[in-house]
Amino acid sequence: APGEDSEVIIYPQAIFKDPFRRGNNILVMCDAY
């Protein structure tokens, strides 16, 4: 995106358990709009 309009929105699409933080923490695969 250009600096003067730099915001990109991410939409959560799929959830996975986080092997690094563990517990109930999650990894979230997103796509961008």
PDB file of all heavy atoms in Angstrom:
ATOM      1  N   ALA A   1       0.857  -1.197   0.000  1.00  0.00           N
ATOM      2  CA  ALA A   1       0.000   0.000   0.000  1.00  0.00           C
ATOM      3  C   ALA A   1       0.887   1.239   0.000  1.00  0.00           C
ATOM      4  O   ALA A   1       2.016   1.200   0.487  1.00  0.00           O
ATOM      5  CB  ALA A   1      -0.909   0.005   1.230  1.00  0.00           C
ATOM      6  N   PRO A   2       0.386   2.360  -0.542  1.00  0.00           N
ATOM      7  CA  PRO A   2       1.164   3.610  -0.514  1.00  0.00           C
ATOM      8  C   PRO A   2       1.135   4.233   0.886  1.00  0.00           C
ATOM      9  O   PRO A   2       0.216   3.993   1.661  1.00  0.00           O
ATOM     10  CB  PRO A   2       0.418   4.505  -1.523  1.00  0.00           C
ATOM     11  CG  PRO A   2      -0.986   3.984  -1.537  1.00  0.00           C
ATOM     12  CD  PRO A   2      -0.903   2.513  -1.240  1.00  0.00           C
ATOM     13  N   GLY A   3       2.159   5.029   1.195  1.00  0.00           N
ATOM     14  CA  GLY A   3       2.275   5.636   2.527  1.00  0.00           C
ATOM     15  C   GLY A   3       1.100   6.512   2.916  1.00  0.00           C
ATOM     16  O   GLY A   3       0.700   6.567   4.076  1.00  0.00           O
ATOM     17  N   GLU A   4       0.499   7.181   1.918  1.00  0.00           N
ATOM     18  CA  GLU A   4      -0.588   8.121   2.254  1.00  0.00           C
ATOM     19  C   GLU A   4      -1.933   7.416   2.462  1.00  0.00           C
ATOM     20  O   GLU A   4      -2.886   8.032   2.914  1.00  0.00           O
ATOM     21  CB  GLU A   4      -0.716   9.228   1.185  1.00  0.00           C
ATOM     22  CG  GLU A   4      -1.125   8.783  -0.211  1.00  0.00           C
ATOM     23  CD  GLU A   4       0.027   8.222  -1.029  1.00  0.00           C
ATOM     24  OE1 GLU A   4       1.169   8.155  -0.517  1.00  0.00           O
ATOM     25  OE2 GLU A   4      -0.223   7.843  -2.192  1.00  0.00           O
ATOM     26  N   ASP A   5      -1.991   6.133   2.114  1.00  0.00           N
ATOM     27  CA  ASP A   5      -3.222   5.364   2.372  1.00  0.00           C
ATOM     28  C   ASP A   5      -2.792   3.937   2.696  1.00  0.00           C
ATOM     29  O   ASP A   5      -3.015   3.015   1.938  1.00  0.00           O
ATOM     30  CB  ASP A   5      -4.129   5.406   1.131  1.00  0.00           C
ATOM     31  CG  ASP A   5      -5.480   4.722   1.381  1.00  0.00           C
ATOM     32  OD1 ASP A   5      -5.774   4.436   2.552  1.00  0.00           O
ATOM     33  OD2 ASP A   5      -6.207   4.458   0.407  1.00  0.00           O
ATOM     34  N   SER A   6      -2.167   3.791   3.869  1.00  0.00           N
ATOM     35  CA  SER A   6      -1.355   2.587   4.105  1.00  0.00           C
ATOM     36  C   SER A   6      -2.095   1.457   4.794  1.00  0.00           C
ATOM     37  O   SER A   6      -1.524   0.396   5.002  1.00  0.00           O
ATOM     38  CB  SER A   6      -0.125   2.960   4.938  1.00  0.00           C
ATOM     39  OG  SER A   6      -0.549   3.378   6.226  1.00  0.00           O
ATOM     40  N   GLU A   7      -3.354   1.672   5.156  1.00  0.00           N
ATOM     41  CA  GLU A   7      -4.005   0.642   5.957  1.00  0.00           C
ATOM     42  C   GLU A   7      -4.489  -0.533   5.111  1.00  0.00           C
ATOM     43  O   GLU A   7      -5.201  -0.359   4.131  1.00  0.00           O
ATOM     44  CB  GLU A   7      -5.188   1.253   6.714  1.00  0.00           C
ATOM     45  CG  GLU A   7      -5.375   0.635   8.075  1.00  0.00           C
ATOM     46  CD  GLU A   7      -6.215   1.493   9.001  1.00  0.00           C
ATOM     47  OE1 GLU A   7      -7.445   1.318   8.990  1.00  0.00           O
ATOM     48  OE2 GLU A   7      -5.638   2.335   9.722  1.00  0.00           O
ATOM     49  N   VAL A   8      -4.080  -1.729   5.495  1.00  0.00           N
ATOM     50  CA  VAL A   8      -4.590  -2.958   4.885  1.00  0.00           C
ATOM     51  C   VAL A   8      -5.340  -3.724   5.980  1.00  0.00           C
ATOM     52  O   VAL A   8      -4.856  -3.837   7.109  1.00  0.00           O
ATOM     53  CB  VAL A   8      -3.442  -3.821   4.313  1.00  0.00           C
ATOM     54  CG1 VAL A   8      -3.991  -5.119   3.716  1.00  0.00           C
ATOM     55  CG2 VAL A   8      -2.660  -3.056   3.243  1.00  0.00           C
ATOM     56  N   ILE A   9      -6.529  -4.217   5.642  1.00  0.00           N
ATOM     57  CA  ILE A   9      -7.360  -4.910   6.635  1.00  0.00           C
ATOM     58  C   ILE A   9      -7.168  -6.421   6.478  1.00  0.00           C
ATOM     59  O   ILE A   9      -7.215  -6.934   5.353  1.00  0.00           O
ATOM     60  CB  ILE A   9      -8.862  -4.576   6.455  1.00  0.00           C
ATOM     61  CG1 ILE A   9      -9.060  -3.073   6.185  1.00  0.00           C
ATOM     62  CG2 ILE A   9      -9.670  -5.052   7.660  1.00  0.00           C
ATOM     63  CD1 ILE A   9      -8.631  -2.147   7.288  1.00  0.00           C
ATOM     64  N   ILE A  10      -6.951  -7.118   7.590  1.00  0.00           N
ATOM     65  CA  ILE A  10      -6.831  -8.581   7.517  1.00  0.00           C
ATOM     66  C   ILE A  10      -8.054  -9.250   8.129  1.00  0.00           C
ATOM     67  O   ILE A  10      -8.520  -8.873   9.192  1.00  0.00           O
ATOM     68  CB  ILE A  10      -5.519  -9.125   8.133  1.00  0.00           C
ATOM     69  CG1 ILE A  10      -5.120  -8.380   9.403  1.00  0.00           C
ATOM     70  CG2 ILE A  10      -4.403  -9.072   7.109  1.00  0.00           C
ATOM     71  CD1 ILE A  10      -3.819  -8.877  10.026  1.00  0.00           C
ATOM     72  N   TYR A  11      -8.560 -10.246   7.370  1.00  0.00           N
ATOM     73  CA  TYR A  11      -9.732 -11.016   7.782  1.00  0.00           C
ATOM     74  C   TYR A  11      -9.272 -12.400   8.253  1.00  0.00           C
ATOM     75  O   TYR A  11      -8.658 -13.133   7.474  1.00  0.00           O
ATOM     76  CB  TYR A  11     -10.694 -11.233   6.602  1.00  0.00           C
ATOM     77  CG  TYR A  11     -11.363 -10.008   6.025  1.00  0.00           C
ATOM     78  CD1 TYR A  11     -10.868  -8.716   6.221  1.00  0.00           C
ATOM     79  CD2 TYR A  11     -12.510 -10.155   5.233  1.00  0.00           C
ATOM     80  CE1 TYR A  11     -11.494  -7.604   5.654  1.00  0.00           C
ATOM     81  CE2 TYR A  11     -13.149  -9.051   4.663  1.00  0.00           C
ATOM     82  CZ  TYR A  11     -12.636  -7.779   4.879  1.00  0.00           C
ATOM     83  OH  TYR A  11     -13.262  -6.687   4.313  1.00  0.00           O
ATOM     84  N   PRO A  12      -9.578 -12.768   9.489  1.00  0.00           N
ATOM     85  CA  PRO A  12      -9.226 -14.116   9.968  1.00  0.00           C
ATOM     86  C   PRO A  12      -9.967 -15.195   9.169  1.00  0.00           C
ATOM     87  O   PRO A  12     -11.170 -15.076   8.934  1.00  0.00           O
ATOM     88  CB  PRO A  12      -9.703 -14.121  11.423  1.00  0.00           C
ATOM     89  CG  PRO A  12      -9.821 -12.679  11.797  1.00  0.00           C
ATOM     90  CD  PRO A  12     -10.209 -11.961  10.548  1.00  0.00           C
ATOM     91  N   GLN A  13      -9.238 -16.226   8.724  1.00  0.00           N
ATOM     92  CA  GLN A  13      -9.852 -17.266   7.885  1.00  0.00           C
ATOM     93  C   GLN A  13      -9.728 -18.679   8.449  1.00  0.00           C
ATOM     94  O   GLN A  13     -10.582 -19.522   8.198  1.00  0.00           O
ATOM     95  CB  GLN A  13      -9.240 -17.233   6.476  1.00  0.00           C
ATOM     96  CG  GLN A  13      -9.455 -15.931   5.714  1.00  0.00           C
ATOM     97  CD  GLN A  13     -10.906 -15.684   5.313  1.00  0.00           C
ATOM     98  OE1 GLN A  13     -11.805 -16.472   5.604  1.00  0.00           O
ATOM     99  NE2 GLN A  13     -11.148 -14.570   4.649  1.00  0.00           N
ATOM    100  N   ALA A  14      -8.659 -18.958   9.180  1.00  0.00           N
ATOM    101  CA  ALA A  14      -8.478 -20.322   9.703  1.00  0.00           C
ATOM    102  C   ALA A  14      -7.662 -20.251  10.991  1.00  0.00           C
ATOM    103  O   ALA A  14      -6.736 -19.441  11.103  1.00  0.00           O
ATOM    104  CB  ALA A  14      -7.762 -21.203   8.679  1.00  0.00           C
ATOM    105  N   ILE A  15      -8.024 -21.103  11.946  1.00  0.00           N
ATOM    106  CA  ILE A  15      -7.374 -21.100  13.262  1.00  0.00           C
ATOM    107  C   ILE A  15      -6.592 -22.395  13.462  1.00  0.00           C
ATOM    108  O   ILE A  15      -7.065 -23.484  13.124  1.00  0.00           O
ATOM    109  CB  ILE A  15      -8.431 -20.968  14.383  1.00  0.00           C
ATOM    110  CG1 ILE A  15      -9.061 -19.572  14.350  1.00  0.00           C
ATOM    111  CG2 ILE A  15      -7.817 -21.234  15.759  1.00  0.00           C
ATOM    112  CD1 ILE A  15     -10.174 -19.392  15.367  1.00  0.00           C
ATOM    113  N   PHE A  16      -5.380 -22.252  14.030  1.00  0.00           N
ATOM    114  CA  PHE A  16      -4.544 -23.403  14.387  1.00  0.00           C
ATOM    115  C   PHE A  16      -4.031 -23.198  15.810  1.00  0.00           C
ATOM    116  O   PHE A  16      -3.908 -22.060  16.269  1.00  0.00           O
ATOM    117  CB  PHE A  16      -3.357 -23.519  13.414  1.00  0.00           C
ATOM    118  CG  PHE A  16      -3.777 -23.777  11.998  1.00  0.00           C
ATOM    119  CD1 PHE A  16      -4.135 -22.728  11.150  1.00  0.00           C
ATOM    120  CD2 PHE A  16      -3.850 -25.075  11.503  1.00  0.00           C
ATOM    121  CE1 PHE A  16      -4.559 -22.974   9.843  1.00  0.00           C
ATOM    122  CE2 PHE A  16      -4.266 -25.321  10.192  1.00  0.00           C
ATOM    123  CZ  PHE A  16      -4.621 -24.268   9.371  1.00  0.00           C
ATOM    124  N   LYS A  17      -3.726 -24.279  16.500  1.00  0.00           N
ATOM    125  CA  LYS A  17      -3.130 -24.160  17.834  1.00  0.00           C
ATOM    126  C   LYS A  17      -1.701 -23.649  17.685  1.00  0.00           C
ATOM    127  O   LYS A  17      -1.009 -24.001  16.730  1.00  0.00           O
ATOM    128  CB  LYS A  17      -3.150 -25.516  18.540  1.00  0.00           C
ATOM    129  CG  LYS A  17      -4.549 -25.984  18.899  1.00  0.00           C
ATOM    130  CD  LYS A  17      -4.537 -27.384  19.508  1.00  0.00           C
ATOM    131  CE  LYS A  17      -3.830 -27.347  20.851  1.00  0.00           C
ATOM    132  NZ  LYS A  17      -4.335 -28.383  21.768  1.00  0.00           N
ATOM    133  N   ASP A  18      -1.261 -22.830  18.624  1.00  0.00           N
ATOM    134  CA  ASP A  18       0.072 -22.233  18.546  1.00  0.00           C
ATOM    135  C   ASP A  18       1.097 -23.136  19.239  1.00  0.00           C
ATOM    136  O   ASP A  18       1.096 -23.249  20.458  1.00  0.00           O
ATOM    137  CB  ASP A  18       0.044 -20.849  19.211  1.00  0.00           C
ATOM    138  CG  ASP A  18       1.365 -20.108  19.055  1.00  0.00           C
ATOM    139  OD1 ASP A  18       2.397 -20.758  18.808  1.00  0.00           O
ATOM    140  OD2 ASP A  18       1.370 -18.862  19.192  1.00  0.00           O
ATOM    141  N   PRO A  19       1.986 -23.793  18.457  1.00  0.00           N
ATOM    142  CA  PRO A  19       2.949 -24.716  19.080  1.00  0.00           C
ATOM    143  C   PRO A  19       4.052 -23.990  19.848  1.00  0.00           C
ATOM    144  O   PRO A  19       4.773 -24.604  20.633  1.00  0.00           O
ATOM    145  CB  PRO A  19       3.531 -25.483  17.891  1.00  0.00           C
ATOM    146  CG  PRO A  19       3.350 -24.581  16.722  1.00  0.00           C
ATOM    147  CD  PRO A  19       2.136 -23.747  16.992  1.00  0.00           C
ATOM    148  N   PHE A  20       4.184 -22.683  19.629  1.00  0.00           N
ATOM    149  CA  PHE A  20       5.239 -21.920  20.299  1.00  0.00           C
ATOM    150  C   PHE A  20       4.764 -21.422  21.670  1.00  0.00           C
ATOM    151  O   PHE A  20       5.466 -21.552  22.663  1.00  0.00           O
ATOM    152  CB  PHE A  20       5.696 -20.757  19.415  1.00  0.00           C
ATOM    153  CG  PHE A  20       6.156 -21.221  18.061  1.00  0.00           C
ATOM    154  CD1 PHE A  20       5.336 -21.090  16.942  1.00  0.00           C
ATOM    155  CD2 PHE A  20       7.394 -21.830  17.904  1.00  0.00           C
ATOM    156  CE1 PHE A  20       5.742 -21.551  15.693  1.00  0.00           C
ATOM    157  CE2 PHE A  20       7.812 -22.297  16.654  1.00  0.00           C
ATOM    158  CZ  PHE A  20       6.977 -22.151  15.555  1.00  0.00           C
ATOM    159  N   ARG A  21       3.558 -20.865  21.721  1.00  0.00           N
ATOM    160  CA  ARG A  21       3.025 -20.347  22.996  1.00  0.00           C
ATOM    161  C   ARG A  21       2.172 -21.369  23.734  1.00  0.00           C
ATOM    162  O   ARG A  21       1.957 -21.258  24.929  1.00  0.00           O
ATOM    163  CB  ARG A  21       2.194 -19.081  22.737  1.00  0.00           C
ATOM    164  CG  ARG A  21       3.011 -17.929  22.188  1.00  0.00           C
ATOM    165  CD  ARG A  21       2.208 -16.635  22.199  1.00  0.00           C
ATOM    166  NE  ARG A  21       3.011 -15.509  21.730  1.00  0.00           N
ATOM    167  CZ  ARG A  21       2.833 -14.895  20.563  1.00  0.00           C
ATOM    168  NH1 ARG A  21       1.861 -15.285  19.744  1.00  0.00           N
ATOM    169  NH2 ARG A  21       3.602 -13.886  20.223  1.00  0.00           N
ATOM    170  N   ARG A  22       1.631 -22.328  23.014  1.00  0.00           N
ATOM    171  CA  ARG A  22       0.834 -23.429  23.565  1.00  0.00           C
ATOM    172  C   ARG A  22      -0.381 -22.933  24.356  1.00  0.00           C
ATOM    173  O   ARG A  22      -0.854 -21.839  24.111  1.00  0.00           O
ATOM    174  CB  ARG A  22       1.728 -24.374  24.373  1.00  0.00           C
ATOM    175  CG  ARG A  22       2.912 -24.815  23.529  1.00  0.00           C
ATOM    176  CD  ARG A  22       3.665 -25.972  24.090  1.00  0.00           C
ATOM    177  NE  ARG A  22       4.878 -26.153  23.294  1.00  0.00           N
ATOM    178  CZ  ARG A  22       6.020 -26.600  23.763  1.00  0.00           C
ATOM    179  NH1 ARG A  22       6.110 -26.975  25.022  1.00  0.00           N
ATOM    180  NH2 ARG A  22       7.063 -26.720  22.970  1.00  0.00           N
ATOM    181  N   GLY A  23      -0.867 -23.780  25.264  1.00  0.00           N
ATOM    182  CA  GLY A  23      -2.080 -23.416  25.994  1.00  0.00           C
ATOM    183  C   GLY A  23      -3.239 -23.207  25.030  1.00  0.00           C
ATOM    184  O   GLY A  23      -3.372 -23.941  24.047  1.00  0.00           O
ATOM    185  N   ASN A  24      -4.053 -22.191  25.295  1.00  0.00           N
ATOM    186  CA  ASN A  24      -5.187 -21.877  24.408  1.00  0.00           C
ATOM    187  C   ASN A  24      -4.817 -20.877  23.318  1.00  0.00           C
ATOM    188  O   ASN A  24      -5.693 -20.374  22.607  1.00  0.00           O
ATOM    189  CB  ASN A  24      -6.363 -21.315  25.226  1.00  0.00           C
ATOM    190  CG  ASN A  24      -7.010 -22.390  26.078  1.00  0.00           C
ATOM    191  OD1 ASN A  24      -7.155 -23.528  25.631  1.00  0.00           O
ATOM    192  ND2 ASN A  24      -7.383 -22.052  27.297  1.00  0.00           N
ATOM    193  N   ASN A  25      -3.527 -20.547  23.223  1.00  0.00           N
ATOM    194  CA  ASN A  25      -3.087 -19.542  22.259  1.00  0.00           C
ATOM    195  C   ASN A  25      -3.161 -20.101  20.839  1.00  0.00           C
ATOM    196  O   ASN A  25      -3.042 -21.309  20.632  1.00  0.00           O
ATOM    197  CB  ASN A  25      -1.675 -19.084  22.598  1.00  0.00           C
ATOM    198  CG  ASN A  25      -1.603 -18.561  24.028  1.00  0.00           C
ATOM    199  OD1 ASN A  25      -2.357 -17.674  24.388  1.00  0.00           O
ATOM    200  ND2 ASN A  25      -0.736 -19.150  24.831  1.00  0.00           N
ATOM    201  N   ILE A  26      -3.360 -19.203  19.876  1.00  0.00           N
ATOM    202  CA  ILE A  26      -3.654 -19.657  18.510  1.00  0.00           C
ATOM    203  C   ILE A  26      -2.843 -18.924  17.449  1.00  0.00           C
ATOM    204  O   ILE A  26      -2.372 -17.803  17.666  1.00  0.00           O
ATOM    205  CB  ILE A  26      -5.167 -19.494  18.180  1.00  0.00           C
ATOM    206  CG1 ILE A  26      -5.639 -18.052  18.445  1.00  0.00           C
ATOM    207  CG2 ILE A  26      -6.002 -20.500  18.964  1.00  0.00           C
ATOM    208  CD1 ILE A  26      -7.098 -17.781  18.042  1.00  0.00           C
ATOM    209  N   LEU A  27      -2.695 -19.601  16.302  1.00  0.00           N
ATOM    210  CA  LEU A  27      -2.209 -18.977  15.068  1.00  0.00           C
ATOM    211  C   LEU A  27      -3.432 -18.753  14.181  1.00  0.00           C
ATOM    212  O   LEU A  27      -4.293 -19.632  14.092  1.00  0.00           O
ATOM    213  CB  LEU A  27      -1.223 -19.897  14.334  1.00  0.00           C
ATOM    214  CG  LEU A  27       0.012 -20.367  15.104  1.00  0.00           C
ATOM    215  CD1 LEU A  27       0.807 -21.368  14.253  1.00  0.00           C
ATOM    216  CD2 LEU A  27       0.899 -19.197  15.510  1.00  0.00           C
ATOM    217  N   VAL A  28      -3.495 -17.602  13.541  1.00  0.00           N
ATOM    218  CA  VAL A  28      -4.662 -17.262  12.722  1.00  0.00           C
ATOM    219  C   VAL A  28      -4.215 -16.932  11.303  1.00  0.00           C
ATOM    220  O   VAL A  28      -3.478 -15.960  11.093  1.00  0.00           O
ATOM    221  CB  VAL A  28      -5.409 -16.044  13.318  1.00  0.00           C
ATOM    222  CG1 VAL A  28      -6.663 -15.754  12.503  1.00  0.00           C
ATOM    223  CG2 VAL A  28      -5.747 -16.267  14.786  1.00  0.00           C
ATOM    224  N   MET A  29      -4.601 -17.753  10.331  1.00  0.00           N
ATOM    225  CA  MET A  29      -4.270 -17.464   8.935  1.00  0.00           C
ATOM    226  C   MET A  29      -5.288 -16.464   8.404  1.00  0.00           C
ATOM    227  O   MET A  29      -6.500 -16.679   8.505  1.00  0.00           O
ATOM    228  CB  MET A  29      -4.300 -18.752   8.105  1.00  0.00           C
ATOM    229  CG  MET A  29      -3.741 -18.593   6.698  1.00  0.00           C
ATOM    230  SD  MET A  29      -1.972 -18.176   6.699  1.00  0.00           S
ATOM    231  CE  MET A  29      -1.843 -17.251   5.162  1.00  0.00           C
ATOM    232  N   CYS A  30      -4.776 -15.352   7.852  1.00  0.00           N
ATOM    233  CA  CYS A  30      -5.648 -14.259   7.395  1.00  0.00           C
ATOM    234  C   CYS A  30      -5.437 -13.996   5.912  1.00  0.00           C
ATOM    235  O   CYS A  30      -4.415 -14.383   5.336  1.00  0.00           O
ATOM    236  CB  CYS A  30      -5.310 -12.971   8.153  1.00  0.00           C
ATOM    237  SG  CYS A  30      -5.425 -13.132   9.948  1.00  0.00           S
ATOM    238  N   ASP A  31      -6.400 -13.302   5.298  1.00  0.00           N
ATOM    239  CA  ASP A  31      -6.133 -12.714   3.982  1.00  0.00           C
ATOM    240  C   ASP A  31      -6.419 -11.211   4.042  1.00  0.00           C
ATOM    241  O   ASP A  31      -6.998 -10.707   5.009  1.00  0.00           O
ATOM    242  CB  ASP A  31      -6.857 -13.437   2.843  1.00  0.00           C
ATOM    243  CG  ASP A  31      -8.361 -13.408   2.965  1.00  0.00           C
ATOM    244  OD1 ASP A  31      -8.885 -12.969   4.000  1.00  0.00           O
ATOM    245  OD2 ASP A  31      -9.041 -13.825   1.996  1.00  0.00           O
ATOM    246  N   ALA A  32      -5.977 -10.484   3.016  1.00  0.00           N
ATOM    247  CA  ALA A  32      -5.833  -9.028   3.121  1.00  0.00           C
ATOM    248  C   ALA A  32      -6.723  -8.267   2.133  1.00  0.00           C
ATOM    249  O   ALA A  32      -6.854  -8.659   0.972  1.00  0.00           O
ATOM    250  CB  ALA A  32      -4.373  -8.654   2.901  1.00  0.00           C
ATOM    251  N   TYR A  33      -7.312  -7.155   2.623  1.00  0.00           N
ATOM    252  CA  TYR A  33      -8.282  -6.362   1.859  1.00  0.00           C
ATOM    253  C   TYR A  33      -8.015  -4.867   2.029  1.00  0.00           C
ATOM    254  O   TYR A  33      -7.419  -4.442   3.021  1.00  0.00           O
ATOM    255  CB  TYR A  33      -9.714  -6.669   2.340  1.00  0.00           C
ATOM    256  CG  TYR A  33     -10.126  -8.104   2.112  1.00  0.00           C
ATOM    257  CD1 TYR A  33      -9.724  -9.111   2.991  1.00  0.00           C
ATOM    258  CD2 TYR A  33     -10.891  -8.471   1.001  1.00  0.00           C
ATOM    259  CE1 TYR A  33     -10.062 -10.438   2.769  1.00  0.00           C
ATOM    260  CE2 TYR A  33     -11.240  -9.798   0.783  1.00  0.00           C
ATOM    261  CZ  TYR A  33     -10.828 -10.780   1.665  1.00  0.00           C
ATOM    262  OH  TYR A  33     -11.163 -12.090   1.445  1.00  0.00           O
TER     263      TYR A  33
END
